[in-house]
Amino acid sequence: MARARSNGNRREPARTSEARELQLADAAYDLAEDQIRSGTASSQVITHFLRMGSSRERLEQQRMEHEIELMQVKKEQLEGQKRVEELYVSALEAMRAYSGFGPPELEEEG
């Protein structure tokens, strides 16, 4: 059974679900560390931390970070492309107005 910490480091309640999740994860890591140090950790806990510390896991984390960066760059490129298309439309409308035709929606149907 988990032992209560008597050092008085009681945290204030989390204000968001994300903060609460982080608090619970921190508590779980603290408990797992205590169990590993005292020799009472289950094989699942030990296996979990062995996997997390492996070079394969570090490479996988790095790969995921690079994928996120790539997605952000692609998003920025798409947004830039959209801005360029808007500029083209504005330029065409300006050229049409300068040539005397005016905007397409104002042209008279004949």
C-alpha atoms as a PDB file:
ATOM      1  CA  MET A   1       0.000   0.000   0.000  1.00  0.00           C
ATOM      2  CA  ALA A   2       1.235   3.503  -0.763  1.00  0.00           C
ATOM      3  CA  ARG A   3       2.632   5.387   2.147  1.00  0.00           C
ATOM      4  CA  ALA A   4       1.539   8.906   2.890  1.00  0.00           C
ATOM      5  CA  ARG A   5       4.190  11.573   2.659  1.00  0.00           C
ATOM      6  CA  SER A   6       4.534  13.427   5.896  1.00  0.00           C
ATOM      7  CA  ASN A   7       6.881  16.176   4.734  1.00  0.00           C
ATOM      8  CA  GLY A   8       4.031  18.660   4.264  1.00  0.00           C
ATOM      9  CA  ASN A   9       4.582  19.254   0.551  1.00  0.00           C
ATOM     10  CA  ARG A  10       0.886  19.381  -0.221  1.00  0.00           C
ATOM     11  CA  ARG A  11       0.145  20.955  -3.572  1.00  0.00           C
ATOM     12  CA  GLU A  12      -2.807  23.178  -4.258  1.00  0.00           C
ATOM     13  CA  PRO A  13      -5.541  21.625  -6.407  1.00  0.00           C
ATOM     14  CA  ALA A  14      -5.086  21.817 -10.151  1.00  0.00           C
ATOM     15  CA  ARG A  15      -7.204  24.354 -11.993  1.00  0.00           C
ATOM     16  CA  THR A  16      -7.379  22.484 -15.312  1.00  0.00           C
ATOM     17  CA  SER A  17      -7.679  18.855 -16.316  1.00  0.00           C
ATOM     18  CA  GLU A  18      -4.249  19.053 -17.982  1.00  0.00           C
ATOM     19  CA  ALA A  19      -2.668  20.340 -14.759  1.00  0.00           C
ATOM     20  CA  ARG A  20      -4.428  17.601 -12.797  1.00  0.00           C
ATOM     21  CA  GLU A  21      -3.106  14.993 -15.199  1.00  0.00           C
ATOM     22  CA  LEU A  22       0.432  16.328 -14.703  1.00  0.00           C
ATOM     23  CA  GLN A  23       0.014  16.255 -10.921  1.00  0.00           C
ATOM     24  CA  LEU A  24      -1.135  12.635 -11.017  1.00  0.00           C
ATOM     25  CA  ALA A  25       1.712  11.670 -13.339  1.00  0.00           C
ATOM     26  CA  ASP A  26       4.207  13.333 -10.992  1.00  0.00           C
ATOM     27  CA  ALA A  27       2.733  11.450  -8.049  1.00  0.00           C
ATOM     28  CA  ALA A  28       2.908   8.160  -9.966  1.00  0.00           C
ATOM     29  CA  TYR A  29       6.550   8.792 -10.856  1.00  0.00           C
ATOM     30  CA  ASP A  30       7.326   9.622  -7.218  1.00  0.00           C
ATOM     31  CA  LEU A  31       5.637   6.423  -6.055  1.00  0.00           C
ATOM     32  CA  ALA A  32       7.404   4.332  -8.693  1.00  0.00           C
ATOM     33  CA  GLU A  33      10.744   5.844  -7.679  1.00  0.00           C
ATOM     34  CA  ASP A  34      10.083   5.039  -4.018  1.00  0.00           C
ATOM     35  CA  GLN A  35       9.143   1.458  -4.937  1.00  0.00           C
ATOM     36  CA  ILE A  36      12.230   0.967  -7.102  1.00  0.00           C
ATOM     37  CA  ARG A  37      14.536   2.354  -4.398  1.00  0.00           C
ATOM     38  CA  SER A  38      12.958   0.192  -1.708  1.00  0.00           C
ATOM     39  CA  GLY A  39      12.951  -2.922  -3.894  1.00  0.00           C
ATOM     40  CA  THR A  40       9.171  -3.343  -3.831  1.00  0.00           C
ATOM     41  CA  ALA A  41       8.428  -2.317  -7.434  1.00  0.00           C
ATOM     42  CA  SER A  42       6.465  -4.741  -9.573  1.00  0.00           C
ATOM     43  CA  SER A  43       7.987  -6.195 -12.712  1.00  0.00           C
ATOM     44  CA  GLN A  44       5.663  -3.997 -14.776  1.00  0.00           C
ATOM     45  CA  VAL A  45       7.007  -0.828 -13.144  1.00  0.00           C
ATOM     46  CA  ILE A  46      10.605  -1.912 -13.647  1.00  0.00           C
ATOM     47  CA  THR A  47       9.965  -2.910 -17.266  1.00  0.00           C
ATOM     48  CA  HIS A  48       8.270   0.416 -17.967  1.00  0.00           C
ATOM     49  CA  PHE A  49      11.248   2.437 -16.772  1.00  0.00           C
ATOM     50  CA  LEU A  50      13.718   0.175 -18.519  1.00  0.00           C
ATOM     51  CA  ARG A  51      11.865   0.812 -21.787  1.00  0.00           C
ATOM     52  CA  MET A  52      11.648   4.552 -21.145  1.00  0.00           C
ATOM     53  CA  GLY A  53      15.407   4.707 -20.620  1.00  0.00           C
ATOM     54  CA  SER A  54      16.325   2.722 -23.722  1.00  0.00           C
ATOM     55  CA  SER A  55      18.052   4.253 -26.730  1.00  0.00           C
ATOM     56  CA  ARG A  56      15.183   3.038 -28.905  1.00  0.00           C
ATOM     57  CA  GLU A  57      12.696   5.047 -26.838  1.00  0.00           C
ATOM     58  CA  ARG A  58      14.880   8.160 -27.057  1.00  0.00           C
ATOM     59  CA  LEU A  59      15.076   7.752 -30.846  1.00  0.00           C
ATOM     60  CA  GLU A  60      11.307   7.267 -31.043  1.00  0.00           C
ATOM     61  CA  GLN A  61      10.751  10.450 -29.000  1.00  0.00           C
ATOM     62  CA  GLN A  62      13.142  12.334 -31.277  1.00  0.00           C
ATOM     63  CA  ARG A  63      11.329  11.004 -34.364  1.00  0.00           C
ATOM     64  CA  MET A  64       7.982  12.185 -32.994  1.00  0.00           C
ATOM     65  CA  GLU A  65       9.427  15.644 -32.247  1.00  0.00           C
ATOM     66  CA  HIS A  66      10.699  15.890 -35.832  1.00  0.00           C
ATOM     67  CA  GLU A  67       7.322  14.804 -37.199  1.00  0.00           C
ATOM     68  CA  ILE A  68       5.637  17.545 -35.182  1.00  0.00           C
ATOM     69  CA  GLU A  69       8.122  20.108 -36.514  1.00  0.00           C
ATOM     70  CA  LEU A  70       7.489  18.882 -40.060  1.00  0.00           C
ATOM     71  CA  MET A  71       3.726  19.200 -39.616  1.00  0.00           C
ATOM     72  CA  GLN A  72       4.163  22.752 -38.319  1.00  0.00           C
ATOM     73  CA  VAL A  73       6.315  23.679 -41.329  1.00  0.00           C
ATOM     74  CA  LYS A  74       3.734  22.170 -43.703  1.00  0.00           C
ATOM     75  CA  LYS A  75       0.981  24.120 -41.969  1.00  0.00           C
ATOM     76  CA  GLU A  76       2.963  27.349 -42.318  1.00  0.00           C
ATOM     77  CA  GLN A  77       3.575  26.599 -45.994  1.00  0.00           C
ATOM     78  CA  LEU A  78      -0.138  26.043 -46.607  1.00  0.00           C
ATOM     79  CA  GLU A  79      -0.992  29.272 -44.814  1.00  0.00           C
ATOM     80  CA  GLY A  80       1.632  31.096 -46.888  1.00  0.00           C
ATOM     81  CA  GLN A  81       0.250  29.581 -50.069  1.00  0.00           C
ATOM     82  CA  LYS A  82      -3.227  30.770 -49.107  1.00  0.00           C
ATOM     83  CA  ARG A  83      -1.899  34.303 -48.559  1.00  0.00           C
ATOM     84  CA  VAL A  84      -0.210  34.235 -51.982  1.00  0.00           C
ATOM     85  CA  GLU A  85      -3.472  33.123 -53.610  1.00  0.00           C
ATOM     86  CA  GLU A  86      -5.306  35.964 -51.863  1.00  0.00           C
ATOM     87  CA  LEU A  87      -2.681  38.420 -53.141  1.00  0.00           C
ATOM     88  CA  TYR A  88      -3.136  37.080 -56.684  1.00  0.00           C
ATOM     89  CA  VAL A  89      -6.891  37.563 -56.449  1.00  0.00           C
ATOM     90  CA  SER A  90      -6.403  41.104 -55.144  1.00  0.00           C
ATOM     91  CA  ALA A  91      -3.905  41.870 -57.913  1.00  0.00           C
ATOM     92  CA  LEU A  92      -6.261  40.549 -60.603  1.00  0.00           C
ATOM     93  CA  GLU A  93      -9.127  42.600 -59.195  1.00  0.00           C
ATOM     94  CA  ALA A  94      -6.921  45.706 -59.146  1.00  0.00           C
ATOM     95  CA  MET A  95      -5.826  45.122 -62.764  1.00  0.00           C
ATOM     96  CA  ARG A  96      -9.437  44.632 -63.787  1.00  0.00           C
ATOM     97  CA  ALA A  97     -10.412  47.899 -62.072  1.00  0.00           C
ATOM     98  CA  TYR A  98      -7.513  49.770 -63.700  1.00  0.00           C
ATOM     99  CA  SER A  99      -8.524  48.482 -67.136  1.00  0.00           C
ATOM    100  CA  GLY A 100     -12.006  49.851 -66.680  1.00  0.00           C
ATOM    101  CA  PHE A 101     -13.868  46.596 -66.186  1.00  0.00           C
ATOM    102  CA  GLY A 102     -14.314  46.937 -62.443  1.00  0.00           C
ATOM    103  CA  PRO A 103     -14.890  44.046 -60.035  1.00  0.00           C
ATOM    104  CA  PRO A 104     -16.588  41.001 -61.599  1.00  0.00           C
ATOM    105  CA  GLU A 105     -19.683  41.271 -59.397  1.00  0.00           C
ATOM    106  CA  LEU A 106     -20.318  44.869 -60.543  1.00  0.00           C
ATOM    107  CA  GLU A 107     -20.204  44.138 -64.290  1.00  0.00           C
ATOM    108  CA  GLU A 108     -23.481  44.462 -66.056  1.00  0.00           C
ATOM    109  CA  GLU A 109     -24.976  41.350 -67.535  1.00  0.00           C
ATOM    110  CA  GLY A 110     -25.862  41.823 -71.144  1.00  0.00           C
END
